[in-house]
Protein backbone atom coordinates (compact mmCIF):
# COMPACT_ATOMS: atom_id res chain seq x y z
CA UNK A 1 44.73 -76.26 24.66
CA UNK A 2 46.62 -74.88 27.77
CA UNK A 3 44.00 -75.67 30.80
CA UNK A 4 44.38 -72.13 31.93
CA UNK A 5 42.84 -70.83 28.81
CA UNK A 6 39.63 -72.78 28.84
CA UNK A 7 37.11 -72.49 31.44
CA UNK A 8 35.18 -75.47 32.53
CA UNK A 9 31.72 -75.46 30.58
CA UNK A 10 30.28 -75.40 34.55
CA UNK A 11 31.20 -72.24 35.66
CA UNK A 12 29.32 -68.84 34.99
CA UNK A 13 30.60 -65.95 33.64
CA UNK A 14 32.01 -63.87 36.52
CA UNK A 15 29.19 -60.64 37.52
CA UNK A 16 31.24 -57.59 39.05
CA UNK A 17 29.84 -55.83 42.18
CA UNK A 18 29.19 -52.39 40.40
CA UNK A 19 27.22 -54.19 37.54
CA UNK A 20 24.57 -55.33 40.14
CA UNK A 21 24.84 -52.40 41.97
CA UNK A 22 23.59 -50.39 38.98
CA UNK A 23 20.93 -53.48 38.15
CA UNK A 24 19.83 -52.83 41.63
CA UNK A 25 19.71 -49.00 41.39
CA UNK A 26 17.47 -49.14 38.36
CA UNK A 27 14.29 -50.83 40.75
CA UNK A 28 14.36 -49.96 44.12
CA UNK A 29 11.10 -52.07 44.51
CA UNK A 30 12.09 -55.72 43.38
CA UNK A 31 11.21 -57.96 46.00
CA UNK A 32 13.82 -59.98 47.99
CA UNK A 33 13.29 -63.02 46.34
CA UNK A 34 13.97 -61.07 42.66
CA UNK A 35 17.62 -59.86 44.60
CA UNK A 36 18.60 -63.46 45.22
CA UNK A 37 18.19 -64.86 42.11
CA UNK A 38 19.95 -61.93 40.46
CA UNK A 39 22.96 -62.90 42.97
CA UNK A 40 22.85 -66.75 41.92
CA UNK A 41 21.35 -66.81 38.16
CA UNK A 42 21.17 -69.87 36.65
CA UNK A 43 23.15 -70.34 32.85
CA UNK A 44 22.72 -66.44 32.40
CA UNK A 45 24.66 -63.78 31.07
CA UNK A 46 25.09 -60.13 32.05
CA UNK A 47 22.68 -59.23 29.20
CA UNK A 48 20.07 -61.23 30.68
CA UNK A 49 20.42 -60.31 34.11
CA UNK A 50 19.70 -56.19 33.01
CA UNK A 51 16.84 -57.37 30.54
CA UNK A 52 14.94 -59.40 33.94
CA UNK A 53 15.77 -56.54 36.07
CA UNK A 54 14.54 -54.06 33.79
CA UNK A 55 11.41 -56.53 32.75
CA UNK A 56 10.65 -56.67 36.57
CA UNK A 57 11.04 -52.99 37.02
CA UNK A 58 8.27 -52.09 34.72
CA UNK A 59 6.43 -54.54 35.73
CA UNK A 60 6.27 -53.40 38.96
CA UNK A 61 5.93 -49.52 38.10
CA UNK A 62 3.00 -50.76 35.28
CA UNK A 63 1.55 -52.44 39.09
CA UNK A 64 1.77 -49.58 40.87
CA UNK A 65 -0.02 -47.37 38.56
CA UNK A 66 -2.86 -49.93 37.88
CA UNK A 67 -3.22 -50.21 41.71
CA UNK A 68 -3.45 -46.18 41.93
CA UNK A 69 -5.85 -45.44 39.19
CA UNK A 70 -8.89 -45.97 40.94
CA UNK A 71 -8.32 -44.06 43.96
CA UNK A 72 -7.37 -41.29 41.66
CA UNK A 73 -10.96 -41.68 39.79
CA UNK A 74 -13.18 -41.71 42.61
CA UNK A 75 -11.43 -38.27 43.64
CA UNK A 76 -11.73 -36.67 40.41
CA UNK A 77 -15.31 -37.67 40.27
CA UNK A 78 -16.00 -36.67 43.94
CA UNK A 79 -15.00 -33.08 42.95
CA UNK A 80 -16.68 -32.67 39.64
CA UNK A 81 -19.92 -33.95 41.29
CA UNK A 82 -19.46 -31.37 43.77
CA UNK A 83 -18.54 -28.64 41.33
CA UNK A 84 -21.71 -29.55 39.26
CA UNK A 85 -24.12 -29.41 42.42
CA UNK A 86 -22.59 -26.20 43.18
CA UNK A 87 -23.01 -24.85 39.86
CA UNK A 88 -26.51 -26.08 39.49
CA UNK A 89 -27.25 -24.76 42.82
CA UNK A 90 -26.20 -21.34 41.48
CA UNK A 91 -27.23 -21.28 38.09
CA UNK A 92 -30.81 -22.28 39.39
CA UNK A 93 -30.75 -18.92 41.85
CA UNK A 94 -29.42 -16.69 39.48
CA UNK A 95 -31.94 -17.60 36.74
CA UNK A 96 -35.07 -17.05 38.55
CA UNK A 97 -37.33 -15.14 36.33
CA UNK A 98 -39.04 -12.40 38.14
CA UNK A 99 -42.61 -12.48 38.08
CA UNK A 100 -45.29 -9.45 38.06
CA UNK A 101 -48.11 -8.74 40.48
CA UNK A 102 -51.22 -10.85 39.47
CA UNK A 103 -53.74 -7.60 39.04
CA UNK A 104 -57.29 -7.80 40.99
CA UNK A 105 -59.64 -6.71 38.67
CA UNK A 106 -62.08 -5.56 41.42
CA UNK A 107 -59.97 -2.68 42.54
CA UNK A 108 -59.59 -1.27 39.11
CA UNK A 109 -63.64 -1.36 38.71
CA UNK A 110 -63.64 0.08 42.12
CA UNK A 111 -61.52 3.06 41.03
CA UNK A 112 -63.15 3.88 38.31
CA UNK A 113 -66.58 4.05 39.52
CA UNK A 114 -65.49 6.09 42.15
CA UNK A 115 -63.89 8.83 39.89
CA UNK A 116 -66.76 8.82 36.62
CA UNK A 117 -68.28 11.69 38.91
CA UNK A 118 -65.43 13.60 39.89
CA UNK A 119 -63.62 13.12 36.08
CA UNK A 120 -66.45 14.92 34.89
CA UNK A 121 -66.70 17.99 37.72
CA UNK A 122 -62.98 18.64 36.98
CA UNK A 123 -63.29 18.41 33.04
CA UNK A 124 -66.12 21.05 33.13
CA UNK A 125 -63.91 23.72 36.11
CA UNK A 126 -60.87 22.97 33.96
CA UNK A 127 -62.55 24.49 30.28
CA UNK A 128 -64.09 26.67 32.47
CA UNK A 129 -60.72 28.11 33.70
CA UNK A 130 -59.49 27.99 30.07
CA UNK A 131 -62.85 29.75 28.92
CA UNK A 132 -61.99 32.90 31.32
CA UNK A 133 -58.47 32.71 30.49
CA UNK A 134 -59.25 33.07 26.76
CA UNK A 135 -61.59 35.97 27.46
CA UNK A 136 -59.28 37.98 29.27
CA UNK A 137 -56.51 37.61 26.56
CA UNK A 138 -58.76 38.53 23.88
CA UNK A 139 -59.80 41.22 25.35
CA UNK A 140 -56.37 42.69 26.31
CA UNK A 141 -55.29 42.34 22.44
CA UNK A 142 -58.55 44.17 21.42
CA UNK A 143 -57.62 47.10 23.01
CA UNK A 144 -53.68 47.01 21.83
CA UNK A 145 -52.19 48.23 18.82
CA UNK A 146 -48.64 48.12 19.53
CA UNK A 147 -46.71 44.91 19.16
CA UNK A 148 -47.20 42.45 22.42
CA UNK A 149 -45.40 40.03 24.38
CA UNK A 150 -46.13 37.01 26.14
CA UNK A 151 -45.67 38.29 29.31
CA UNK A 152 -47.92 41.02 28.94
CA UNK A 153 -50.51 38.98 26.86
CA UNK A 154 -50.65 35.87 30.05
CA UNK A 155 -50.73 36.14 33.49
CA UNK A 156 -47.24 34.59 35.63
CA UNK A 157 -46.47 31.27 34.82
CA UNK A 158 -47.43 30.84 38.84
CA UNK A 159 -50.70 32.78 38.60
CA UNK A 160 -52.08 30.70 35.93
CA UNK A 161 -51.26 27.52 37.86
CA UNK A 162 -52.77 28.81 40.86
CA UNK A 163 -55.99 29.37 39.04
CA UNK A 164 -56.05 25.98 38.03
CA UNK A 165 -55.24 24.73 41.58
CA UNK A 166 -58.20 26.92 42.90
CA UNK A 167 -60.47 25.66 40.71
CA UNK A 168 -59.88 21.63 40.89
CA UNK A 169 -58.35 21.74 44.47
CA UNK A 170 -61.88 20.42 46.38
CA UNK A 171 -62.14 17.64 43.40
CA UNK A 172 -59.19 16.36 43.44
CA UNK A 173 -59.03 16.26 47.48
CA UNK A 174 -62.07 14.26 46.64
CA UNK A 175 -60.38 11.83 44.30
CA UNK A 176 -57.55 11.19 47.00
CA UNK A 177 -59.92 10.69 49.67
CA UNK A 178 -61.89 7.56 47.58
CA UNK A 179 -58.25 6.30 47.07
CA UNK A 180 -57.25 6.48 50.94
CA UNK A 181 -60.90 4.83 51.40
CA UNK A 182 -60.13 1.63 49.18
CA UNK A 183 -57.57 0.53 51.37
CA UNK A 184 -58.72 1.71 54.79
CA UNK A 185 -61.69 1.69 56.84
CA UNK A 186 -60.69 4.37 59.30
CA UNK A 187 -63.53 6.96 59.61
CA UNK A 188 -63.37 9.74 56.95
CA UNK A 189 -62.47 12.41 59.74
CA UNK A 190 -59.32 10.39 60.49
CA UNK A 191 -58.37 9.63 56.98
CA UNK A 192 -58.62 13.86 56.38
CA UNK A 193 -55.40 13.91 58.82
CA UNK A 194 -53.45 11.86 56.50
CA UNK A 195 -55.05 13.21 53.37
CA UNK A 196 -54.44 16.78 53.58
CA UNK A 197 -54.47 19.93 51.04
CA UNK A 198 -50.51 20.08 51.25
CA UNK A 199 -49.89 16.54 50.78
CA UNK A 200 -52.29 16.22 47.81
CA UNK A 201 -51.78 19.55 46.50
CA UNK A 202 -47.94 20.07 46.01
CA UNK A 203 -48.41 16.83 44.00
CA UNK A 204 -51.24 17.83 41.67
CA UNK A 205 -50.11 21.36 41.41
CA UNK A 206 -46.95 20.02 39.62
CA UNK A 207 -49.14 17.73 37.51
CA UNK A 208 -51.23 20.73 36.34
CA UNK A 209 -48.46 22.73 35.58
CA UNK A 210 -47.01 20.04 33.55
CA UNK A 211 -49.87 18.93 31.86
CA UNK A 212 -51.47 22.01 30.90
CA UNK A 213 -49.60 25.15 31.93
CA UNK A 214 -46.36 25.12 30.33
CA UNK A 215 -47.75 23.16 27.07
CA UNK A 216 -50.63 25.75 26.66
CA UNK A 217 -47.76 28.88 27.28
CA UNK A 218 -45.64 27.54 24.87
CA UNK A 219 -48.41 27.48 22.06
CA UNK A 220 -49.32 30.64 22.72
CA UNK A 221 -45.71 31.73 22.52
CA UNK A 222 -45.57 30.11 19.04
CA UNK A 223 -48.96 32.58 18.15
CA UNK A 224 -47.23 35.48 19.26
CA UNK A 225 -44.33 34.99 17.48
CA UNK A 226 -46.20 34.05 14.11
CA UNK A 227 -48.20 37.08 14.02
CA UNK A 228 -45.12 39.45 14.43
CA UNK A 229 -47.04 42.18 16.49
CA UNK A 230 -50.25 41.70 14.42
CA UNK A 231 -52.70 42.10 17.31
CA UNK A 232 -55.43 40.68 15.23
CA UNK A 233 -54.05 37.75 13.73
CA UNK A 234 -52.52 36.93 17.12
CA UNK A 235 -56.31 36.92 18.79
CA UNK A 236 -57.23 34.43 16.04
CA UNK A 237 -54.33 31.99 16.56
CA UNK A 238 -54.79 32.15 20.30
CA UNK A 239 -58.36 31.75 19.86
CA UNK A 240 -57.89 28.50 17.59
CA UNK A 241 -55.42 27.09 20.50
CA UNK A 242 -57.82 27.48 23.10
CA UNK A 243 -60.61 25.79 21.34
CA UNK A 244 -58.30 22.73 20.62
CA UNK A 245 -57.72 22.65 24.32
CA UNK A 246 -61.39 23.01 25.75
CA UNK A 247 -62.10 20.49 23.04
CA UNK A 248 -59.74 18.12 22.57
CA UNK A 249 -56.87 18.41 25.24
CA UNK A 250 -58.66 18.49 28.22
CA UNK A 251 -60.59 15.32 27.53
CA UNK A 252 -57.26 13.48 26.97
CA UNK A 253 -56.20 14.95 30.47
CA UNK A 254 -58.18 14.58 33.12
CA UNK A 255 -58.66 10.99 33.44
CA UNK A 256 -54.85 11.04 34.18
CA UNK A 257 -55.09 13.84 37.03
CA UNK A 258 -57.93 12.19 38.39
CA UNK A 259 -56.20 8.86 38.44
CA UNK A 260 -53.20 10.32 40.02
CA UNK A 261 -55.14 12.13 42.71
CA UNK A 262 -56.46 9.07 43.36
CA UNK A 263 -53.66 7.24 43.43
CA UNK A 264 -51.66 9.69 45.94
CA UNK A 265 -54.61 9.37 48.50
CA UNK A 266 -54.17 5.41 48.62
CA UNK A 267 -50.41 6.02 49.23
CA UNK A 268 -50.87 8.59 51.40
CA UNK A 269 -53.32 6.16 53.82
CA UNK A 270 -50.45 3.53 54.21
CA UNK A 271 -48.50 3.16 57.44
CA UNK A 272 -44.77 3.55 57.12
CA UNK A 273 -42.89 0.16 57.01
CA UNK A 274 -45.87 -1.20 54.78
CA UNK A 275 -44.51 -3.51 51.70
CA UNK A 276 -46.09 -2.28 48.45
CA UNK A 277 -46.29 -3.73 44.77
CA UNK A 278 -47.21 -2.25 41.83
CA UNK A 279 -50.14 -3.55 40.04
CA UNK A 280 -50.89 -2.96 36.13
CA UNK A 281 -54.52 -2.58 35.52
CA UNK A 282 -55.23 -5.57 32.57
CA UNK A 283 -57.58 -3.20 30.77
CA UNK A 284 -54.93 -0.66 30.24
CA UNK A 285 -52.21 0.07 27.71
CA UNK A 286 -49.24 -2.11 27.24
CA UNK A 287 -46.36 -0.17 28.98
CA UNK A 288 -42.81 -1.11 29.17
CA UNK A 289 -42.46 1.03 32.47
CA UNK A 290 -45.56 -0.61 34.05
CA UNK A 291 -44.17 -4.17 34.02
CA UNK A 292 -40.78 -3.25 35.13
CA UNK A 293 -42.70 -1.91 38.39
CA UNK A 294 -44.43 -4.78 38.50
CA UNK A 295 -41.35 -7.00 38.06
CA UNK A 296 -39.85 -5.28 41.27
CA UNK A 297 -42.31 -7.00 43.33
CA UNK A 298 -42.56 -5.60 46.85
CA UNK A 299 -40.65 -2.38 48.40
CA UNK A 300 -40.82 -0.37 51.05
CA UNK A 301 -43.20 2.41 51.47
CA UNK A 302 -41.28 5.30 50.66
CA UNK A 303 -38.79 3.56 48.23
CA UNK A 304 -39.07 4.54 44.58
CA UNK A 305 -40.21 1.93 41.88
CA UNK A 306 -37.55 1.50 38.77
CA UNK A 307 -39.24 4.05 37.02
CA UNK A 308 -38.04 6.61 39.75
CA UNK A 309 -41.90 6.93 41.06
CA UNK A 310 -43.60 6.43 44.47
CA UNK A 311 -46.94 5.51 42.44
CA UNK A 312 -48.69 6.13 39.37
CA UNK A 313 -49.29 7.82 37.35
CA UNK A 314 -46.62 7.12 34.92
CA UNK A 315 -47.43 8.40 31.51
CA UNK A 316 -49.93 9.05 29.84
CA UNK A 317 -53.10 6.93 29.88
CA UNK A 318 -51.70 4.77 33.03
CA UNK A 319 -54.23 2.91 34.84
CA UNK A 320 -51.86 1.23 37.45
CA UNK A 321 -52.36 1.11 41.23
CA UNK A 322 -49.83 0.65 44.22
CA UNK A 323 -51.28 -1.60 46.53
CA UNK A 324 -50.26 -3.15 49.93
CA UNK A 325 -48.51 -6.68 49.07
CA UNK A 326 -50.62 -8.33 51.46
CA UNK A 327 -54.23 -8.09 50.55
């Protein structure tokens, strides 16, 4: 064979410069000693060279990732920890359950004792007004043969309310004074400056109108309509209505009226800026409105509780009280 066609066994196959440049581009992180090895490989062909370069590059990348992972994990863990702490703190603040005001049985007992004689007096006076009113209506109908209307049977709405106000104002002021004295040790003369007829009776007049006069007039109106102008039948029906009110309805309402006057007096005697809370009588009927007001906690005097009231009573049979938050 011609000598020029056979390569000596000790010669390495020629590696082109562009091949080496391409290999270097695959791994920019290869160490200097690795580059030296690439430039002077021993007994290796081009494929082996690229394989080694790829292997070296993959190992370098893997090593780099392994070294970076712990740092990344620490950062994530810290963020999660902070987020958890923040969420827990927010949740604990948001989920705080309102606590109703703890009742003081003594103040309710004191109120009931103070109101007992007043309730009895009020009951008698309210029934007296009803009896006088009934007699007036029946006397009028007895002398009437023609058809009559409600306006001619009863006095005007305002006049009827005024009759109840005049009959009960003295006892209602007394109940209000008892409420004021439950929260203040001031002299009676000083208390009367706050517990005036106007400040008490503007509330009590509305109560008498809503609780007695309005429903009574509604019942009598039905009697007039049902009798169809027959005065004899009308008299009989009206007599039944008044009997029911004197024997049953007044006894149901009078305690509520007295408790409202007591609460009004206790409220009026408090100084401006006083913080107050709604206290539920443990012996009173269960009431969701009362619980809502109690759960409202402390509010400023003059503000309304959730039911829209400044002080009790809220409904028939309500036995709650509003008291200063610091007792």
